[in-house]
PDB file of all heavy atoms in Angstrom:
ATOM      1  N   GLN A   1       0.834  -1.204   0.000  1.00  0.00           N
ATOM      2  CA  GLN A   1       0.000   0.000   0.000  1.00  0.00           C
ATOM      3  C   GLN A   1       0.867   1.252   0.000  1.00  0.00           C
ATOM      4  O   GLN A   1       1.779   1.392   0.813  1.00  0.00           O
ATOM      5  CB  GLN A   1      -0.921   0.002   1.214  1.00  0.00           C
ATOM      6  CG  GLN A   1      -1.951   1.115   1.219  1.00  0.00           C
ATOM      7  CD  GLN A   1      -2.798   1.112   2.480  1.00  0.00           C
ATOM      8  OE1 GLN A   1      -2.508   1.825   3.437  1.00  0.00           O
ATOM      9  NE2 GLN A   1      -3.850   0.290   2.493  1.00  0.00           N
ATOM     10  N   ALA A   2       0.598   2.177  -0.914  1.00  0.00           N
ATOM     11  CA  ALA A   2       1.351   3.419  -1.009  1.00  0.00           C
ATOM     12  C   ALA A   2       0.951   4.380   0.099  1.00  0.00           C
ATOM     13  O   ALA A   2      -0.164   4.328   0.613  1.00  0.00           O
ATOM     14  CB  ALA A   2       1.114   4.068  -2.369  1.00  0.00           C
ATOM     15  N   SER A   3       1.863   5.253   0.461  1.00  0.00           N
ATOM     16  CA  SER A   3       1.562   6.311   1.422  1.00  0.00           C
ATOM     17  C   SER A   3       1.050   7.541   0.671  1.00  0.00           C
ATOM     18  O   SER A   3       1.589   7.913  -0.361  1.00  0.00           O
ATOM     19  CB  SER A   3       2.831   6.664   2.205  1.00  0.00           C
ATOM     20  OG  SER A   3       2.587   7.752   3.077  1.00  0.00           O
ATOM     21  N   ARG A   4       0.005   8.146   1.212  1.00  0.00           N
ATOM     22  CA  ARG A   4      -0.551   9.364   0.629  1.00  0.00           C
ATOM     23  C   ARG A   4      -0.772  10.387   1.746  1.00  0.00           C
ATOM     24  O   ARG A   4      -1.897  10.618   2.181  1.00  0.00           O
ATOM     25  CB  ARG A   4      -1.864   9.063  -0.111  1.00  0.00           C
ATOM     26  CG  ARG A   4      -1.691   8.328  -1.432  1.00  0.00           C
ATOM     27  CD  ARG A   4      -1.013   9.217  -2.456  1.00  0.00           C
ATOM     28  NE  ARG A   4      -0.877   8.579  -3.757  1.00  0.00           N
ATOM     29  CZ  ARG A   4       0.149   7.833  -4.125  1.00  0.00           C
ATOM     30  NH1 ARG A   4       1.150   7.605  -3.274  1.00  0.00           N
ATOM     31  NH2 ARG A   4       0.203   7.300  -5.327  1.00  0.00           N
ATOM     32  N   PRO A   5       0.320  10.990   2.249  1.00  0.00           N
ATOM     33  CA  PRO A   5       0.198  11.944   3.355  1.00  0.00           C
ATOM     34  C   PRO A   5      -0.804  13.053   3.048  1.00  0.00           C
ATOM     35  O   PRO A   5      -0.843  13.584   1.938  1.00  0.00           O
ATOM     36  CB  PRO A   5       1.615  12.503   3.496  1.00  0.00           C
ATOM     37  CG  PRO A   5       2.496  11.414   2.959  1.00  0.00           C
ATOM     38  CD  PRO A   5       1.724  10.821   1.828  1.00  0.00           C
ATOM     39  N   GLY A   6      -1.608  13.356   4.046  1.00  0.00           N
ATOM     40  CA  GLY A   6      -2.581  14.423   3.896  1.00  0.00           C
ATOM     41  C   GLY A   6      -3.916  13.985   3.324  1.00  0.00           C
ATOM     42  O   GLY A   6      -4.845  14.792   3.226  1.00  0.00           O
ATOM     43  N   GLU A   7      -4.044  12.721   2.957  1.00  0.00           N
ATOM     44  CA  GLU A   7      -5.311  12.242   2.399  1.00  0.00           C
ATOM     45  C   GLU A   7      -6.392  12.282   3.483  1.00  0.00           C
ATOM     46  O   GLU A   7      -6.197  11.787   4.589  1.00  0.00           O
ATOM     47  CB  GLU A   7      -5.141  10.821   1.865  1.00  0.00           C
ATOM     48  CG  GLU A   7      -6.225  10.376   0.923  1.00  0.00           C
ATOM     49  CD  GLU A   7      -6.153  11.036  -0.447  1.00  0.00           C
ATOM     50  OE1 GLU A   7      -5.051  11.419  -0.877  1.00  0.00           O
ATOM     51  OE2 GLU A   7      -7.213  11.155  -1.087  1.00  0.00           O
ATOM     52  N   LYS A   8      -7.529  12.855   3.154  1.00  0.00           N
ATOM     53  CA  LYS A   8      -8.607  13.050   4.121  1.00  0.00           C
ATOM     54  C   LYS A   8      -9.688  11.983   3.992  1.00  0.00           C
ATOM     55  O   LYS A   8      -9.758  11.268   2.994  1.00  0.00           O
ATOM     56  CB  LYS A   8      -9.247  14.435   3.935  1.00  0.00           C
ATOM     57  CG  LYS A   8      -8.272  15.593   3.956  1.00  0.00           C
ATOM     58  CD  LYS A   8      -7.521  15.694   5.271  1.00  0.00           C
ATOM     59  CE  LYS A   8      -6.609  16.906   5.301  1.00  0.00           C
ATOM     60  NZ  LYS A   8      -5.786  16.976   6.537  1.00  0.00           N
ATOM     61  N   ILE A   9     -10.527  11.911   5.007  1.00  0.00           N
ATOM     62  CA  ILE A   9     -11.721  11.076   4.933  1.00  0.00           C
ATOM     63  C   ILE A   9     -12.716  11.799   4.032  1.00  0.00           C
ATOM     64  O   ILE A   9     -13.119  12.927   4.324  1.00  0.00           O
ATOM     65  CB  ILE A   9     -12.320  10.852   6.329  1.00  0.00           C
ATOM     66  CG1 ILE A   9     -11.350  10.050   7.198  1.00  0.00           C
ATOM     67  CG2 ILE A   9     -13.673  10.138   6.226  1.00  0.00           C
ATOM     68  CD1 ILE A   9     -11.732   9.975   8.660  1.00  0.00           C
ATOM     69  N   PRO A  10     -13.109  11.185   2.921  1.00  0.00           N
ATOM     70  CA  PRO A  10     -13.990  11.902   1.993  1.00  0.00           C
ATOM     71  C   PRO A  10     -15.459  11.805   2.385  1.00  0.00           C
ATOM     72  O   PRO A  10     -15.890  10.879   3.072  1.00  0.00           O
ATOM     73  CB  PRO A  10     -13.735  11.189   0.660  1.00  0.00           C
ATOM     74  CG  PRO A  10     -13.360   9.796   1.051  1.00  0.00           C
ATOM     75  CD  PRO A  10     -12.656   9.898   2.380  1.00  0.00           C
ATOM     76  N   ALA A  11     -16.222  12.762   1.922  1.00  0.00           N
ATOM     77  CA  ALA A  11     -17.674  12.682   1.998  1.00  0.00           C
ATOM     78  C   ALA A  11     -18.183  11.907   0.785  1.00  0.00           C
ATOM     79  O   ALA A  11     -17.518  11.845  -0.257  1.00  0.00           O
ATOM     80  CB  ALA A  11     -18.279  14.088   2.024  1.00  0.00           C
ATOM     81  N   LEU A  12     -19.358  11.312   0.914  1.00  0.00           N
ATOM     82  CA  LEU A  12     -19.946  10.587  -0.210  1.00  0.00           C
ATOM     83  C   LEU A  12     -20.089  11.505  -1.418  1.00  0.00           C
ATOM     84  O   LEU A  12     -19.857  11.088  -2.560  1.00  0.00           O
ATOM     85  CB  LEU A  12     -21.311  10.019   0.189  1.00  0.00           C
ATOM     86  CG  LEU A  12     -22.087   9.276  -0.903  1.00  0.00           C
ATOM     87  CD1 LEU A  12     -21.302   8.078  -1.428  1.00  0.00           C
ATOM     88  CD2 LEU A  12     -23.460   8.846  -0.371  1.00  0.00           C
ATOM     89  N   GLU A  13     -20.437  12.739  -1.188  1.00  0.00           N
ATOM     90  CA  GLU A  13     -20.569  13.698  -2.283  1.00  0.00           C
ATOM     91  C   GLU A  13     -19.261  13.853  -3.055  1.00  0.00           C
ATOM     92  O   GLU A  13     -19.267  13.992  -4.285  1.00  0.00           O
ATOM     93  CB  GLU A  13     -21.005  15.051  -1.722  1.00  0.00           C
ATOM     94  CG  GLU A  13     -21.247  16.108  -2.778  1.00  0.00           C
ATOM     95  CD  GLU A  13     -21.776  17.400  -2.186  1.00  0.00           C
ATOM     96  OE1 GLU A  13     -21.864  17.499  -0.950  1.00  0.00           O
ATOM     97  OE2 GLU A  13     -22.095  18.316  -2.971  1.00  0.00           O
ATOM     98  N   GLU A  14     -18.134  13.794  -2.349  1.00  0.00           N
ATOM     99  CA  GLU A  14     -16.836  13.916  -3.019  1.00  0.00           C
ATOM    100  C   GLU A  14     -16.567  12.719  -3.915  1.00  0.00           C
ATOM    101  O   GLU A  14     -15.967  12.858  -4.987  1.00  0.00           O
ATOM    102  CB  GLU A  14     -15.728  14.065  -1.986  1.00  0.00           C
ATOM    103  CG  GLU A  14     -15.740  15.375  -1.226  1.00  0.00           C
ATOM    104  CD  GLU A  14     -14.645  15.424  -0.184  1.00  0.00           C
ATOM    105  OE1 GLU A  14     -14.880  14.928   0.945  1.00  0.00           O
ATOM    106  OE2 GLU A  14     -13.548  15.940  -0.493  1.00  0.00           O
ATOM    107  N   LEU A  15     -16.992  11.536  -3.494  1.00  0.00           N
ATOM    108  CA  LEU A  15     -16.823  10.358  -4.348  1.00  0.00           C
ATOM    109  C   LEU A  15     -17.667  10.502  -5.606  1.00  0.00           C
ATOM    110  O   LEU A  15     -17.188  10.242  -6.726  1.00  0.00           O
ATOM    111  CB  LEU A  15     -17.225   9.091  -3.586  1.00  0.00           C
ATOM    112  CG  LEU A  15     -17.254   7.804  -4.421  1.00  0.00           C
ATOM    113  CD1 LEU A  15     -15.892   7.512  -5.053  1.00  0.00           C
ATOM    114  CD2 LEU A  15     -17.729   6.627  -3.579  1.00  0.00           C
ATOM    115  N   PHE A  16     -18.910  10.909  -5.455  1.00  0.00           N
ATOM    116  CA  PHE A  16     -19.765  11.098  -6.626  1.00  0.00           C
ATOM    117  C   PHE A  16     -19.178  12.158  -7.568  1.00  0.00           C
ATOM    118  O   PHE A  16     -19.213  11.999  -8.791  1.00  0.00           O
ATOM    119  CB  PHE A  16     -21.165  11.522  -6.186  1.00  0.00           C
ATOM    120  CG  PHE A  16     -21.990  10.416  -5.567  1.00  0.00           C
ATOM    121  CD1 PHE A  16     -23.155  10.703  -4.885  1.00  0.00           C
ATOM    122  CD2 PHE A  16     -21.605   9.086  -5.668  1.00  0.00           C
ATOM    123  CE1 PHE A  16     -23.940   9.706  -4.331  1.00  0.00           C
ATOM    124  CE2 PHE A  16     -22.367   8.060  -5.105  1.00  0.00           C
ATOM    125  CZ  PHE A  16     -23.546   8.382  -4.439  1.00  0.00           C
ATOM    126  N   GLU A  17     -18.621  13.209  -6.999  1.00  0.00           N
ATOM    127  CA  GLU A  17     -18.034  14.272  -7.816  1.00  0.00           C
ATOM    128  C   GLU A  17     -16.786  13.772  -8.543  1.00  0.00           C
ATOM    129  O   GLU A  17     -16.556  14.118  -9.708  1.00  0.00           O
ATOM    130  CB  GLU A  17     -17.702  15.472  -6.939  1.00  0.00           C
ATOM    131  CG  GLU A  17     -17.458  16.761  -7.686  1.00  0.00           C
ATOM    132  CD  GLU A  17     -18.680  17.293  -8.412  1.00  0.00           C
ATOM    133  OE1 GLU A  17     -19.815  17.070  -7.957  1.00  0.00           O
ATOM    134  OE2 GLU A  17     -18.480  17.937  -9.471  1.00  0.00           O
ATOM    135  N   LEU A  18     -15.994  12.948  -7.851  1.00  0.00           N
ATOM    136  CA  LEU A  18     -14.803  12.369  -8.474  1.00  0.00           C
ATOM    137  C   LEU A  18     -15.179  11.571  -9.709  1.00  0.00           C
ATOM    138  O   LEU A  18     -14.557  11.709 -10.776  1.00  0.00           O
ATOM    139  CB  LEU A  18     -14.079  11.464  -7.466  1.00  0.00           C
ATOM    140  CG  LEU A  18     -12.912  10.641  -8.016  1.00  0.00           C
ATOM    141  CD1 LEU A  18     -11.718  11.537  -8.330  1.00  0.00           C
ATOM    142  CD2 LEU A  18     -12.508   9.543  -7.029  1.00  0.00           C
ATOM    143  N   VAL A  19     -16.193  10.732  -9.585  1.00  0.00           N
ATOM    144  CA  VAL A  19     -16.617   9.908 -10.714  1.00  0.00           C
ATOM    145  C   VAL A  19     -17.209  10.777 -11.816  1.00  0.00           C
ATOM    146  O   VAL A  19     -16.944  10.561 -13.009  1.00  0.00           O
ATOM    147  CB  VAL A  19     -17.622   8.841 -10.238  1.00  0.00           C
ATOM    148  CG1 VAL A  19     -18.258   8.123 -11.419  1.00  0.00           C
ATOM    149  CG2 VAL A  19     -16.928   7.829  -9.323  1.00  0.00           C
ATOM    150  N   LYS A  20     -18.000  11.750 -11.432  1.00  0.00           N
ATOM    151  CA  LYS A  20     -18.644  12.630 -12.417  1.00  0.00           C
ATOM    152  C   LYS A  20     -17.622  13.349 -13.282  1.00  0.00           C
ATOM    153  O   LYS A  20     -17.837  13.548 -14.492  1.00  0.00           O
ATOM    154  CB  LYS A  20     -19.530  13.638 -11.695  1.00  0.00           C
ATOM    155  CG  LYS A  20     -20.219  14.635 -12.607  1.00  0.00           C
ATOM    156  CD  LYS A  20     -21.021  15.640 -11.792  1.00  0.00           C
ATOM    157  CE  LYS A  20     -21.618  16.728 -12.674  1.00  0.00           C
ATOM    158  NZ  LYS A  20     -22.367  17.730 -11.879  1.00  0.00           N
ATOM    159  N   THR A  21     -16.491  13.740 -12.706  1.00  0.00           N
ATOM    160  CA  THR A  21     -15.514  14.550 -13.428  1.00  0.00           C
ATOM    161  C   THR A  21     -14.317  13.748 -13.946  1.00  0.00           C
ATOM    162  O   THR A  21     -13.456  14.290 -14.639  1.00  0.00           O
ATOM    163  CB  THR A  21     -14.989  15.676 -12.526  1.00  0.00           C
ATOM    164  OG1 THR A  21     -14.395  15.104 -11.351  1.00  0.00           O
ATOM    165  CG2 THR A  21     -16.117  16.604 -12.106  1.00  0.00           C
ATOM    166  N   SER A  22     -14.257  12.449 -13.627  1.00  0.00           N
ATOM    167  CA  SER A  22     -13.115  11.631 -14.026  1.00  0.00           C
ATOM    168  C   SER A  22     -13.075  11.422 -15.533  1.00  0.00           C
ATOM    169  O   SER A  22     -14.110  11.290 -16.196  1.00  0.00           O
ATOM    170  CB  SER A  22     -13.188  10.268 -13.335  1.00  0.00           C
ATOM    171  OG  SER A  22     -12.149   9.413 -13.794  1.00  0.00           O
ATOM    172  N   THR A  23     -11.865  11.366 -16.063  1.00  0.00           N
ATOM    173  CA  THR A  23     -11.683  11.073 -17.490  1.00  0.00           C
ATOM    174  C   THR A  23     -11.350   9.609 -17.744  1.00  0.00           C
ATOM    175  O   THR A  23     -11.170   9.209 -18.903  1.00  0.00           O
ATOM    176  CB  THR A  23     -10.560  11.954 -18.075  1.00  0.00           C
ATOM    177  OG1 THR A  23      -9.345  11.712 -17.354  1.00  0.00           O
ATOM    178  CG2 THR A  23     -10.938  13.426 -17.981  1.00  0.00           C
ATOM    179  N   TYR A  24     -11.253   8.792 -16.693  1.00  0.00           N
ATOM    180  CA  TYR A  24     -10.997   7.366 -16.890  1.00  0.00           C
ATOM    181  C   TYR A  24     -12.227   6.711 -17.518  1.00  0.00           C
ATOM    182  O   TYR A  24     -13.367   7.004 -17.111  1.00  0.00           O
ATOM    183  CB  TYR A  24     -10.654   6.678 -15.582  1.00  0.00           C
ATOM    184  CG  TYR A  24      -9.299   7.051 -15.030  1.00  0.00           C
ATOM    185  CD1 TYR A  24      -9.161   7.529 -13.717  1.00  0.00           C
ATOM    186  CD2 TYR A  24      -8.152   6.915 -15.791  1.00  0.00           C
ATOM    187  CE1 TYR A  24      -7.918   7.868 -13.205  1.00  0.00           C
ATOM    188  CE2 TYR A  24      -6.908   7.259 -15.294  1.00  0.00           C
ATOM    189  CZ  TYR A  24      -6.796   7.736 -13.996  1.00  0.00           C
ATOM    190  OH  TYR A  24      -5.565   8.079 -13.499  1.00  0.00           O
ATOM    191  N   PRO A  25     -12.060   5.826 -18.483  1.00  0.00           N
ATOM    192  CA  PRO A  25     -13.212   5.208 -19.145  1.00  0.00           C
ATOM    193  C   PRO A  25     -14.183   4.524 -18.186  1.00  0.00           C
ATOM    194  O   PRO A  25     -15.398   4.552 -18.412  1.00  0.00           O
ATOM    195  CB  PRO A  25     -12.554   4.194 -20.097  1.00  0.00           C
ATOM    196  CG  PRO A  25     -11.204   4.774 -20.377  1.00  0.00           C
ATOM    197  CD  PRO A  25     -10.773   5.433 -19.107  1.00  0.00           C
ATOM    198  N   ALA A  26     -13.660   3.921 -17.118  1.00  0.00           N
ATOM    199  CA  ALA A  26     -14.524   3.209 -16.185  1.00  0.00           C
ATOM    200  C   ALA A  26     -15.541   4.121 -15.519  1.00  0.00           C
ATOM    201  O   ALA A  26     -16.616   3.672 -15.098  1.00  0.00           O
ATOM    202  CB  ALA A  26     -13.681   2.513 -15.118  1.00  0.00           C
ATOM    203  N   ALA A  27     -15.224   5.404 -15.401  1.00  0.00           N
ATOM    204  CA  ALA A  27     -16.095   6.324 -14.675  1.00  0.00           C
ATOM    205  C   ALA A  27     -17.464   6.467 -15.336  1.00  0.00           C
ATOM    206  O   ALA A  27     -18.461   6.744 -14.656  1.00  0.00           O
ATOM    207  CB  ALA A  27     -15.423   7.682 -14.553  1.00  0.00           C
ATOM    208  N   ALA A  28     -17.523   6.264 -16.639  1.00  0.00           N
ATOM    209  CA  ALA A  28     -18.793   6.436 -17.348  1.00  0.00           C
ATOM    210  C   ALA A  28     -19.806   5.354 -17.002  1.00  0.00           C
ATOM    211  O   ALA A  28     -21.015   5.552 -17.184  1.00  0.00           O
ATOM    212  CB  ALA A  28     -18.542   6.454 -18.860  1.00  0.00           C
ATOM    213  N   ARG A  29     -19.335   4.229 -16.500  1.00  0.00           N
ATOM    214  CA  ARG A  29     -20.242   3.106 -16.242  1.00  0.00           C
ATOM    215  C   ARG A  29     -20.152   2.552 -14.825  1.00  0.00           C
ATOM    216  O   ARG A  29     -20.960   1.711 -14.433  1.00  0.00           O
ATOM    217  CB  ARG A  29     -19.934   1.963 -17.215  1.00  0.00           C
ATOM    218  CG  ARG A  29     -18.478   1.517 -17.131  1.00  0.00           C
ATOM    219  CD  ARG A  29     -18.177   0.238 -17.889  1.00  0.00           C
ATOM    220  NE  ARG A  29     -16.750  -0.063 -17.889  1.00  0.00           N
ATOM    221  CZ  ARG A  29     -16.077  -0.525 -16.857  1.00  0.00           C
ATOM    222  NH1 ARG A  29     -16.700  -0.742 -15.706  1.00  0.00           N
ATOM    223  NH2 ARG A  29     -14.781  -0.770 -16.943  1.00  0.00           N
ATOM    224  N   VAL A  30     -19.169   3.010 -14.044  1.00  0.00           N
ATOM    225  CA  VAL A  30     -18.943   2.396 -12.738  1.00  0.00           C
ATOM    226  C   VAL A  30     -20.166   2.555 -11.846  1.00  0.00           C
ATOM    227  O   VAL A  30     -20.895   3.541 -11.922  1.00  0.00           O
ATOM    228  CB  VAL A  30     -17.694   3.017 -12.049  1.00  0.00           C
ATOM    229  CG1 VAL A  30     -17.995   4.406 -11.472  1.00  0.00           C
ATOM    230  CG2 VAL A  30     -17.147   2.099 -10.971  1.00  0.00           C
ATOM    231  N   ARG A  31     -20.396   1.538 -11.030  1.00  0.00           N
ATOM    232  CA  ARG A  31     -21.471   1.587 -10.052  1.00  0.00           C
ATOM    233  C   ARG A  31     -20.881   1.740  -8.648  1.00  0.00           C
ATOM    234  O   ARG A  31     -19.681   1.624  -8.460  1.00  0.00           O
ATOM    235  CB  ARG A  31     -22.323   0.320 -10.161  1.00  0.00           C
ATOM    236  CG  ARG A  31     -23.281   0.362 -11.357  1.00  0.00           C
ATOM    237  CD  ARG A  31     -23.754  -1.013 -11.761  1.00  0.00           C
ATOM    238  NE  ARG A  31     -22.703  -1.712 -12.524  1.00  0.00           N
ATOM    239  CZ  ARG A  31     -22.413  -2.998 -12.392  1.00  0.00           C
ATOM    240  NH1 ARG A  31     -23.056  -3.752 -11.516  1.00  0.00           N
ATOM    241  NH2 ARG A  31     -21.458  -3.538 -13.125  1.00  0.00           N
ATOM    242  N   PHE A  32     -21.751   1.997  -7.697  1.00  0.00           N
ATOM    243  CA  PHE A  32     -21.344   2.235  -6.322  1.00  0.00           C
ATOM    244  C   PHE A  32     -22.035   1.215  -5.421  1.00  0.00           C
ATOM    245  O   PHE A  32     -23.264   1.079  -5.462  1.00  0.00           O
ATOM    246  CB  PHE A  32     -21.750   3.642  -5.879  1.00  0.00           C
ATOM    247  CG  PHE A  32     -21.295   4.744  -6.792  1.00  0.00           C
ATOM    248  CD1 PHE A  32     -22.071   5.129  -7.878  1.00  0.00           C
ATOM    249  CD2 PHE A  32     -20.093   5.403  -6.570  1.00  0.00           C
ATOM    250  CE1 PHE A  32     -21.668   6.144  -8.727  1.00  0.00           C
ATOM    251  CE2 PHE A  32     -19.667   6.416  -7.419  1.00  0.00           C
ATOM    252  CZ  PHE A  32     -20.461   6.780  -8.496  1.00  0.00           C
ATOM    253  N   ASN A  33     -21.252   0.509  -4.616  1.00  0.00           N
ATOM    254  CA  ASN A  33     -21.807  -0.403  -3.621  1.00  0.00           C
ATOM    255  C   ASN A  33     -21.489   0.201  -2.257  1.00  0.00           C
ATOM    256  O   ASN A  33     -20.372   0.096  -1.764  1.00  0.00           O
ATOM    257  CB  ASN A  33     -21.179  -1.789  -3.765  1.00  0.00           C
ATOM    258  CG  ASN A  33     -21.850  -2.819  -2.872  1.00  0.00           C
ATOM    259  OD1 ASN A  33     -22.884  -2.559  -2.277  1.00  0.00           O
ATOM    260  ND2 ASN A  33     -21.250  -3.997  -2.787  1.00  0.00           N
ATOM    261  N   ILE A  34     -22.464   0.882  -1.681  1.00  0.00           N
ATOM    262  CA  ILE A  34     -22.222   1.698  -0.495  1.00  0.00           C
ATOM    263  C   ILE A  34     -22.942   1.097   0.710  1.00  0.00           C
ATOM    264  O   ILE A  34     -24.134   0.811   0.654  1.00  0.00           O
ATOM    265  CB  ILE A  34     -22.635   3.163  -0.739  1.00  0.00           C
ATOM    266  CG1 ILE A  34     -24.071   3.274  -1.253  1.00  0.00           C
ATOM    267  CG2 ILE A  34     -21.683   3.802  -1.757  1.00  0.00           C
ATOM    268  CD1 ILE A  34     -24.526   4.712  -1.482  1.00  0.00           C
ATOM    269  N   GLU A  35     -22.199   0.933   1.779  1.00  0.00           N
ATOM    270  CA  GLU A  35     -22.714   0.212   2.953  1.00  0.00           C
ATOM    271  C   GLU A  35     -23.107   1.160   4.077  1.00  0.00           C
ATOM    272  O   GLU A  35     -22.316   2.003   4.504  1.00  0.00           O
ATOM    273  CB  GLU A  35     -21.660  -0.766   3.475  1.00  0.00           C
ATOM    274  CG  GLU A  35     -22.138  -1.551   4.693  1.00  0.00           C
ATOM    275  CD  GLU A  35     -21.085  -2.488   5.257  1.00  0.00           C
ATOM    276  OE1 GLU A  35     -20.054  -2.685   4.585  1.00  0.00           O
ATOM    277  OE2 GLU A  35     -21.284  -3.005   6.372  1.00  0.00           O
ATOM    278  N   THR A  36     -24.309   0.987   4.577  1.00  0.00           N
ATOM    279  CA  THR A  36     -24.712   1.691   5.790  1.00  0.00           C
ATOM    280  C   THR A  36     -24.149   0.934   6.990  1.00  0.00           C
ATOM    281  O   THR A  36     -24.520  -0.199   7.257  1.00  0.00           O
ATOM    282  CB  THR A  36     -26.249   1.774   5.913  1.00  0.00           C
ATOM    283  OG1 THR A  36     -26.814   0.461   5.769  1.00  0.00           O
ATOM    284  CG2 THR A  36     -26.830   2.696   4.862  1.00  0.00           C
ATOM    285  N   LYS A  37     -23.220   1.565   7.703  1.00  0.00           N
ATOM    286  CA  LYS A  37     -22.649   0.965   8.912  1.00  0.00           C
ATOM    287  C   LYS A  37     -23.555   1.350  10.073  1.00  0.00           C
ATOM    288  O   LYS A  37     -23.501   2.453  10.614  1.00  0.00           O
ATOM    289  CB  LYS A  37     -21.220   1.476   9.138  1.00  0.00           C
ATOM    290  CG  LYS A  37     -20.266   1.243   7.985  1.00  0.00           C
ATOM    291  CD  LYS A  37     -20.090  -0.222   7.653  1.00  0.00           C
ATOM    292  CE  LYS A  37     -19.254  -0.965   8.661  1.00  0.00           C
ATOM    293  NZ  LYS A  37     -18.899  -2.338   8.207  1.00  0.00           N
ATOM    294  N   ILE A  38     -24.412   0.429  10.437  1.00  0.00           N
ATOM    295  CA  ILE A  38     -25.440   0.692  11.446  1.00  0.00           C
ATOM    296  C   ILE A  38     -25.719  -0.596  12.199  1.00  0.00           C
ATOM    297  O   ILE A  38     -25.633  -1.687  11.625  1.00  0.00           O
ATOM    298  CB  ILE A  38     -26.723   1.241  10.776  1.00  0.00           C
ATOM    299  CG1 ILE A  38     -27.785   1.607  11.817  1.00  0.00           C
ATOM    300  CG2 ILE A  38     -27.257   0.300   9.726  1.00  0.00           C
ATOM    301  CD1 ILE A  38     -28.979   2.350  11.235  1.00  0.00           C
ATOM    302  N   SER A  39     -26.019  -0.472  13.473  1.00  0.00           N
ATOM    303  CA  SER A  39     -26.289  -1.643  14.301  1.00  0.00           C
ATOM    304  C   SER A  39     -27.428  -1.323  15.265  1.00  0.00           C
ATOM    305  O   SER A  39     -27.431  -0.250  15.887  1.00  0.00           O
ATOM    306  CB  SER A  39     -25.038  -2.033  15.094  1.00  0.00           C
ATOM    307  OG  SER A  39     -25.336  -3.020  16.068  1.00  0.00           O
ATOM    308  N   PRO A  40     -28.387  -2.241  15.426  1.00  0.00           N
ATOM    309  CA  PRO A  40     -29.492  -1.990  16.361  1.00  0.00           C
ATOM    310  C   PRO A  40     -29.023  -1.765  17.795  1.00  0.00           C
ATOM    311  O   PRO A  40     -29.678  -1.045  18.553  1.00  0.00           O
ATOM    312  CB  PRO A  40     -30.338  -3.271  16.260  1.00  0.00           C
ATOM    313  CG  PRO A  40     -29.977  -3.875  14.957  1.00  0.00           C
ATOM    314  CD  PRO A  40     -28.537  -3.523  14.719  1.00  0.00           C
ATOM    315  N   GLY A  41     -27.890  -2.359  18.148  1.00  0.00           N
ATOM    316  CA  GLY A  41     -27.402  -2.260  19.516  1.00  0.00           C
ATOM    317  C   GLY A  41     -26.630  -0.989  19.827  1.00  0.00           C
ATOM    318  O   GLY A  41     -26.255  -0.751  20.981  1.00  0.00           O
ATOM    319  N   GLU A  42     -26.385  -0.149  18.786  1.00  0.00           N
ATOM    320  CA  GLU A  42     -25.625   1.087  18.998  1.00  0.00           C
ATOM    321  C   GLU A  42     -26.339   2.264  18.341  1.00  0.00           C
ATOM    322  O   GLU A  42     -25.806   2.921  17.449  1.00  0.00           O
ATOM    323  CB  GLU A  42     -24.206   0.938  18.428  1.00  0.00           C
ATOM    324  CG  GLU A  42     -23.386  -0.141  19.123  1.00  0.00           C
ATOM    325  CD  GLU A  42     -22.016  -0.335  18.503  1.00  0.00           C
ATOM    326  OE1 GLU A  42     -21.951  -0.490  17.259  1.00  0.00           O
ATOM    327  OE2 GLU A  42     -21.024  -0.320  19.245  1.00  0.00           O
ATOM    328  N   PRO A  43     -27.542   2.563  18.766  1.00  0.00           N
ATOM    329  CA  PRO A  43     -28.320   3.614  18.102  1.00  0.00           C
ATOM    330  C   PRO A  43     -27.705   4.998  18.228  1.00  0.00           C
ATOM    331  O   PRO A  43     -28.004   5.892  17.416  1.00  0.00           O
ATOM    332  CB  PRO A  43     -29.677   3.547  18.818  1.00  0.00           C
ATOM    333  CG  PRO A  43     -29.373   2.938  20.150  1.00  0.00           C
ATOM    334  CD  PRO A  43     -28.268   1.961  19.893  1.00  0.00           C
ATOM    335  N   GLU A  44     -26.829   5.188  19.220  1.00  0.00           N
ATOM    336  CA  GLU A  44     -26.215   6.507  19.411  1.00  0.00           C
ATOM    337  C   GLU A  44     -25.168   6.827  18.350  1.00  0.00           C
ATOM    338  O   GLU A  44     -24.737   7.988  18.222  1.00  0.00           O
ATOM    339  CB  GLU A  44     -25.574   6.581  20.809  1.00  0.00           C
ATOM    340  CG  GLU A  44     -24.287   5.787  20.989  1.00  0.00           C
ATOM    341  CD  GLU A  44     -24.495   4.277  21.194  1.00  0.00           C
ATOM    342  OE1 GLU A  44     -25.662   3.818  21.170  1.00  0.00           O
ATOM    343  OE2 GLU A  44     -23.486   3.560  21.398  1.00  0.00           O
ATOM    344  N   LEU A  45     -24.746   5.828  17.577  1.00  0.00           N
ATOM    345  CA  LEU A  45     -23.676   6.029  16.607  1.00  0.00           C
ATOM    346  C   LEU A  45     -24.165   6.411  15.209  1.00  0.00           C
ATOM    347  O   LEU A  45     -23.359   6.737  14.340  1.00  0.00           O
ATOM    348  CB  LEU A  45     -22.816   4.770  16.512  1.00  0.00           C
ATOM    349  CG  LEU A  45     -22.041   4.386  17.777  1.00  0.00           C
ATOM    350  CD1 LEU A  45     -21.255   3.109  17.543  1.00  0.00           C
ATOM    351  CD2 LEU A  45     -21.117   5.520  18.219  1.00  0.00           C
ATOM    352  N   THR A  46     -25.464   6.367  14.998  1.00  0.00           N
ATOM    353  CA  THR A  46     -26.009   6.657  13.666  1.00  0.00           C
ATOM    354  C   THR A  46     -27.365   7.335  13.799  1.00  0.00           C
ATOM    355  O   THR A  46     -27.999   7.281  14.855  1.00  0.00           O
ATOM    356  CB  THR A  46     -26.222   5.361  12.850  1.00  0.00           C
ATOM    357  OG1 THR A  46     -27.193   4.545  13.509  1.00  0.00           O
ATOM    358  CG2 THR A  46     -24.927   4.601  12.667  1.00  0.00           C
TER     359      THR A  46
END
């Protein structure tokens, strides 16, 4: 794994924007599999 100093935790909106503006061919068709991290036993966390 490469080091990327200064890399931040992104917002979901930033990921969508990255794909929207990307010039890589995959961006035109890529899908998103996004997980809701939620648990009934920890309602205070979500």
